[in-house]
């Protein structure tokens, strides 16, 4: 059980940040307007991802699924930014 707690604590925040980042950067419109709703959704998404760690039958599956999803999210962010499909406005 402790391994699931650790998976939720360690991988929950990066996965939720990756998911919110994908949605926020891909959302149409001005980023100055869409940033606040994204920040407000970060906490509920983080809690949902942490709860997701306890859905799996064992801790290894939780680590693999949450870790894989985190890698996919940040890989998508990096790849879409490299392709020029999304951009961070300064």
Protein backbone atom coordinates (compact mmCIF):
# COMPACT_ATOMS: atom_id res chain seq x y z
CA UNK A 1 0.00 0.00 0.00
CA UNK A 2 2.86 2.37 0.75
CA UNK A 3 4.21 1.96 -2.76
CA UNK A 4 0.90 3.25 -4.15
CA UNK A 5 1.03 6.21 -1.78
CA UNK A 6 4.52 6.95 -3.03
CA UNK A 7 3.46 6.60 -6.68
CA UNK A 8 0.57 8.99 -6.07
CA UNK A 9 2.80 11.49 -4.28
CA UNK A 10 5.73 11.36 -6.69
CA UNK A 11 3.95 11.01 -10.04
CA UNK A 12 0.66 12.76 -9.27
CA UNK A 13 1.89 16.33 -9.54
CA UNK A 14 4.01 15.96 -12.71
CA UNK A 15 1.21 14.12 -14.49
CA UNK A 16 -1.38 16.71 -13.53
CA UNK A 17 0.93 19.53 -14.62
CA UNK A 18 1.50 17.76 -17.94
CA UNK A 19 -2.23 17.25 -18.51
CA UNK A 20 -3.08 20.84 -17.62
CA UNK A 21 -0.20 22.05 -19.79
CA UNK A 22 -1.47 20.11 -22.79
CA UNK A 23 -4.98 21.45 -22.38
CA UNK A 24 -3.89 25.01 -21.65
CA UNK A 25 -1.49 25.29 -24.58
CA UNK A 26 -3.77 23.56 -27.06
CA UNK A 27 -6.86 25.56 -26.05
CA UNK A 28 -7.78 28.17 -28.64
CA UNK A 29 -7.78 31.80 -27.68
CA UNK A 30 -5.64 34.19 -25.74
CA UNK A 31 -3.42 32.54 -23.14
CA UNK A 32 -3.85 35.49 -20.79
CA UNK A 33 -7.56 34.63 -20.56
CA UNK A 34 -7.23 30.83 -20.40
CA UNK A 35 -4.43 30.68 -17.82
CA UNK A 36 -6.55 31.27 -14.73
CA UNK A 37 -9.04 28.44 -15.44
CA UNK A 38 -6.09 26.14 -16.07
CA UNK A 39 -4.50 27.05 -12.77
CA UNK A 40 -7.83 26.59 -11.00
CA UNK A 41 -8.24 23.11 -12.51
CA UNK A 42 -4.76 22.01 -11.47
CA UNK A 43 -5.72 21.00 -7.93
CA UNK A 44 -8.79 18.88 -8.84
CA UNK A 45 -6.82 17.16 -11.61
CA UNK A 46 -3.96 16.52 -9.19
CA UNK A 47 -6.33 14.92 -6.67
CA UNK A 48 -7.94 12.82 -9.42
CA UNK A 49 -4.55 11.57 -10.60
CA UNK A 50 -3.53 10.72 -7.05
CA UNK A 51 -6.76 8.76 -6.57
CA UNK A 52 -6.08 6.99 -9.86
CA UNK A 53 -3.00 5.37 -8.28
CA UNK A 54 -5.31 3.34 -6.03
CA UNK A 55 -7.42 1.99 -8.89
CA UNK A 56 -4.70 -0.39 -10.03
CA UNK A 57 -4.42 -3.92 -8.60
CA UNK A 58 -0.83 -3.52 -7.48
CA UNK A 59 1.76 -0.82 -6.98
CA UNK A 60 3.86 -1.83 -9.98
CA UNK A 61 0.97 -1.16 -12.35
CA UNK A 62 0.35 2.19 -10.68
CA UNK A 63 4.00 3.19 -11.13
CA UNK A 64 4.09 2.00 -14.75
CA UNK A 65 0.81 3.59 -15.84
CA UNK A 66 1.32 6.89 -14.04
CA UNK A 67 4.97 7.07 -15.09
CA UNK A 68 4.15 6.18 -18.67
CA UNK A 69 1.35 8.74 -18.81
CA UNK A 70 3.70 11.39 -17.41
CA UNK A 71 6.30 10.59 -20.05
CA UNK A 72 3.68 10.68 -22.79
CA UNK A 73 2.33 14.06 -21.62
CA UNK A 74 5.72 15.72 -21.48
CA UNK A 75 6.78 14.02 -24.71
CA UNK A 76 3.67 15.42 -26.41
CA UNK A 77 4.35 18.87 -24.99
CA UNK A 78 7.93 18.79 -26.20
CA UNK A 79 7.03 17.30 -29.60
CA UNK A 80 4.18 19.72 -30.28
CA UNK A 81 6.40 22.62 -29.30
CA UNK A 82 9.14 21.35 -31.60
CA UNK A 83 6.66 21.09 -34.48
CA UNK A 84 5.47 24.61 -33.79
CA UNK A 85 1.87 23.54 -33.20
CA UNK A 86 1.83 25.06 -29.72
CA UNK A 87 3.83 27.91 -28.31
CA UNK A 88 4.28 29.62 -25.02
CA UNK A 89 3.64 33.33 -25.35
CA UNK A 90 5.82 35.60 -23.26
